[in-house]
Protein backbone atom coordinates (compact mmCIF):
# COMPACT_ATOMS: atom_id res chain seq x y z
CA MET A 1 -90.17 -6.41 -43.40
CA LYS A 2 -93.94 -6.56 -43.85
CA LEU A 3 -95.83 -3.34 -44.53
CA LYS A 4 -97.74 -3.64 -41.24
CA SER A 5 -94.54 -4.04 -39.19
CA TYR A 6 -92.86 -1.21 -41.11
CA LEU A 7 -95.77 1.18 -40.46
CA ILE A 8 -95.95 0.29 -36.76
CA LEU A 9 -92.21 0.73 -36.32
CA THR A 10 -92.23 4.07 -38.18
CA ILE A 11 -95.18 5.47 -36.23
CA VAL A 12 -93.81 4.34 -32.85
CA ALA A 13 -90.37 5.79 -33.65
CA ALA A 14 -91.86 9.10 -34.82
CA THR A 15 -94.13 9.32 -31.77
CA SER A 16 -91.24 8.52 -29.42
CA PHE A 17 -89.03 11.13 -31.07
CA LEU A 18 -91.71 13.84 -30.78
CA VAL A 19 -92.45 12.97 -27.14
CA ILE A 20 -88.75 13.15 -26.24
CA ILE A 21 -88.35 16.54 -27.97
CA VAL A 22 -91.50 18.00 -26.38
CA THR A 23 -90.62 16.61 -22.92
CA THR A 24 -87.10 18.06 -23.08
CA ALA A 25 -88.42 21.47 -24.18
CA ILE A 26 -91.05 21.53 -21.41
CA TYR A 27 -88.46 20.47 -18.82
CA PHE A 28 -86.03 23.27 -19.69
CA LEU A 29 -88.78 25.89 -19.90
CA LEU A 30 -90.16 24.91 -16.49
CA GLN A 31 -86.68 24.70 -14.98
CA ASN A 32 -85.76 28.19 -16.22
CA SER A 33 -89.07 29.59 -14.99
CA TYR A 34 -88.61 27.91 -11.59
CA GLN A 35 -85.03 29.19 -11.27
CA GLU A 36 -86.09 32.73 -12.16
CA GLY A 37 -88.76 32.51 -9.45
CA ILE A 38 -86.17 31.41 -6.88
CA GLN A 39 -83.85 34.23 -7.91
CA ALA A 40 -86.60 36.83 -7.62
CA ARG A 41 -87.63 35.50 -4.20
CA GLY A 42 -84.00 35.29 -3.04
CA LEU A 43 -83.18 38.83 -4.15
CA GLU A 44 -86.23 40.19 -2.35
CA LEU A 45 -85.27 38.38 0.86
CA ALA A 46 -81.63 39.52 0.52
CA ARG A 47 -82.83 43.10 0.11
CA VAL A 48 -85.03 42.89 3.21
CA VAL A 49 -82.24 41.40 5.35
CA ALA A 50 -79.70 43.94 4.04
CA HIS A 51 -82.01 46.79 5.12
CA ASP A 52 -82.62 45.33 8.58
CA PRO A 53 -81.33 47.83 11.21
CA MET A 54 -79.94 44.98 13.33
CA VAL A 55 -77.92 43.65 10.39
CA ILE A 56 -76.62 47.11 9.45
CA LYS A 57 -75.58 47.76 13.06
CA ALA A 58 -73.82 44.39 13.30
CA VAL A 59 -71.91 44.83 10.03
CA ASP A 60 -70.86 48.36 10.98
CA ALA A 61 -69.63 47.10 14.36
CA GLN A 62 -67.70 44.26 12.66
CA ASN A 63 -65.99 46.76 10.34
CA LYS A 64 -64.94 48.76 13.41
CA GLN A 65 -63.47 45.61 15.02
CA GLN A 66 -66.26 45.56 17.60
CA LYS A 67 -67.88 42.28 18.58
CA TYR A 68 -71.52 41.84 17.64
CA ASP A 69 -73.39 38.50 17.72
CA LEU A 70 -75.67 38.24 14.68
CA GLN A 71 -75.73 34.45 14.25
CA ASP A 72 -78.89 33.61 16.21
CA TYR A 73 -80.81 36.56 14.81
CA VAL A 74 -80.11 35.63 11.16
CA GLU A 75 -80.66 31.91 11.74
CA ASP A 76 -84.06 32.74 13.22
CA ILE A 77 -84.94 34.59 9.99
CA ARG A 78 -83.68 31.68 7.87
CA ALA A 79 -85.76 29.17 9.84
CA ARG A 80 -88.90 31.09 8.82
CA THR A 81 -88.03 31.00 5.09
CA ASP A 82 -87.25 28.34 2.48
CA ALA A 83 -83.65 29.56 2.02
CA SER A 84 -80.88 26.99 2.48
CA TYR A 85 -78.66 29.63 4.07
CA ILE A 86 -78.35 33.34 4.83
CA VAL A 87 -74.81 34.65 5.07
CA VAL A 88 -74.02 38.21 6.13
CA VAL A 89 -70.49 39.50 5.53
CA ASP A 90 -68.55 42.66 6.30
CA LYS A 91 -66.60 44.75 3.75
CA GLU A 92 -63.73 42.22 3.90
CA THR A 93 -66.21 39.36 3.17
CA ILE A 94 -65.78 37.89 6.66
CA ARG A 95 -68.92 36.00 7.70
CA LEU A 96 -71.08 37.26 10.55
CA SER A 97 -73.61 34.45 10.08
CA HIS A 98 -73.74 30.94 8.61
CA PRO A 99 -75.87 27.78 9.10
CA THR A 100 -72.68 26.09 10.36
CA PRO A 101 -71.57 28.20 13.39
CA ASP A 102 -67.92 27.12 12.98
CA LYS A 103 -67.76 29.02 9.70
CA VAL A 104 -68.65 32.36 11.30
CA GLY A 105 -65.60 34.63 11.33
CA LYS A 106 -64.12 33.04 8.22
CA TYR A 107 -63.97 34.41 4.68
CA PHE A 108 -66.85 33.95 2.27
CA ILE A 109 -66.09 31.35 -0.43
CA GLY A 110 -66.50 32.53 -4.03
CA ASN A 111 -65.61 35.63 -6.02
CA ASP A 112 -69.19 36.15 -7.17
CA ILE A 113 -69.79 38.31 -4.09
CA LYS A 114 -67.39 41.01 -5.31
CA PRO A 115 -69.89 43.07 -7.39
CA ALA A 116 -72.09 43.41 -4.28
CA ILE A 117 -69.15 44.52 -2.12
CA GLU A 118 -67.27 46.64 -4.66
CA GLN A 119 -70.06 48.14 -6.78
CA GLY A 120 -73.09 47.72 -4.53
CA ASP A 121 -74.89 45.57 -7.12
CA GLU A 122 -77.88 43.31 -6.50
CA PHE A 123 -77.72 40.13 -8.56
CA SER A 124 -78.01 36.34 -8.67
CA SER A 125 -75.44 33.71 -9.61
CA VAL A 126 -74.95 29.95 -9.59
CA ALA A 127 -71.77 28.95 -7.77
CA SER A 128 -70.33 26.48 -5.29
CA GLY A 129 -69.64 27.44 -1.70
CA SER A 130 -68.86 25.61 1.52
CA LEU A 131 -72.27 23.88 1.43
CA GLY A 132 -72.19 22.96 -2.27
CA LYS A 133 -73.59 24.28 -5.55
CA ALA A 134 -76.37 26.81 -5.05
CA ILE A 135 -78.39 29.64 -6.55
CA ARG A 136 -76.95 32.63 -4.69
CA ASN A 137 -78.64 36.02 -4.42
CA PHE A 138 -76.71 39.07 -3.25
CA SER A 139 -77.67 42.47 -1.90
CA PRO A 140 -75.28 45.09 -0.46
CA VAL A 141 -75.56 46.37 3.10
CA LEU A 142 -75.50 50.17 3.01
CA LEU A 143 -74.84 52.81 5.66
CA ASP A 144 -75.08 56.49 4.72
CA GLY A 145 -75.00 55.47 1.06
CA LYS A 146 -71.77 53.50 1.38
CA VAL A 147 -71.37 49.74 1.01
CA ILE A 148 -70.26 48.24 4.32
CA GLY A 149 -71.04 44.57 3.65
CA ALA A 150 -73.38 42.21 1.83
CA VAL A 151 -76.07 39.58 2.30
CA CYS A 152 -76.14 36.29 0.42
CA ILE A 153 -79.30 34.18 0.25
CA GLY A 154 -78.55 30.67 -1.00
CA TYR A 155 -80.76 27.87 -2.32
CA LEU A 156 -78.82 24.61 -2.63
CA TYR A 157 -79.12 23.08 -6.10
CA GLU A 158 -79.82 19.62 -4.71
CA LYS A 159 -82.72 20.94 -2.65
CA THR A 160 -84.20 23.04 -5.47
CA THR A 161 -83.94 20.11 -7.92
CA ASP A 162 -85.85 17.84 -5.51
CA ILE A 163 -88.57 20.47 -5.05
CA PHE A 164 -88.73 21.01 -8.81
CA PHE A 165 -89.32 17.32 -9.53
CA LYS A 166 -91.92 17.07 -6.75
CA GLN A 167 -93.83 20.05 -8.13
CA TYR A 168 -93.65 19.14 -11.81
CA GLY A 169 -93.39 15.34 -11.69
CA HIS A 170 -97.10 15.05 -12.55
CA ILE A 171 -96.37 16.64 -15.95
CA GLY A 172 -93.98 13.79 -16.74
CA MET A 173 -96.72 11.33 -15.81
CA LEU A 174 -99.15 13.16 -18.08
CA ILE A 175 -96.69 13.00 -20.99
CA GLY A 176 -96.26 9.27 -20.34
CA VAL A 177 -100.02 8.75 -20.46
CA VAL A 178 -100.24 10.70 -23.72
CA TYR A 179 -97.42 8.59 -25.16
CA LEU A 180 -99.13 5.33 -24.20
CA LEU A 181 -102.41 6.65 -25.57
CA GLY A 182 -100.68 7.46 -28.86
CA ILE A 183 -99.24 3.95 -29.06
CA GLY A 184 -102.67 2.51 -28.27
CA ILE A 185 -104.34 4.56 -31.00
CA THR A 186 -101.63 3.47 -33.43
CA GLY A 187 -102.26 -0.17 -32.56
CA ALA A 188 -106.02 0.24 -33.02
CA PHE A 189 -105.45 1.99 -36.34
CA MET A 190 -103.21 -0.80 -37.61
CA PHE A 191 -105.71 -3.44 -36.48
CA LYS A 192 -108.48 -1.58 -38.34
CA MET A 193 -106.29 -1.34 -41.47
CA LYS A 194 -105.57 -5.07 -41.34
CA ARG A 195 -109.29 -5.92 -41.14
CA THR A 196 -110.09 -3.47 -43.92
CA PHE A 197 -107.48 -4.91 -46.27
């Protein structure tokens, strides 16, 4: 292999390797930051819904085997947010609300809700439910200091991934431009070296 070809190949390979490493690092950093933002927003919304007097009254009525329609009220809240779903459950994890009305009155899917029901914890998790894999944020529903149910705010992974790429896709384009610029500078440098020699 000629020296010129060897140098070009080495520089292109090194540049490509560095771009791949930097792009991967940036992607994971942005993804983690974006997910933390969703979790913080979801927990705040879950907390607000869990403290809503209408929700507390409905969950208390459900626990006492009294009928209380909460579906339309919660769906109206969800429609005004970016959440994929808002599910309210009683102390037995039976749903009082769900984006799919047929699922109201059935048990919540996933054991990750237990800390909210049993210990009254607020937290986020990534798990699969009836609608698919999602970032799920939980807050307990309290009455007189006792846990009577819980609220789950979910952001479907598929939806959040699409939004993530739409928001940060321009960074990938910028990295591509930098890469092409680096290759162009390398080519100009090699051409200058050839003329010099």
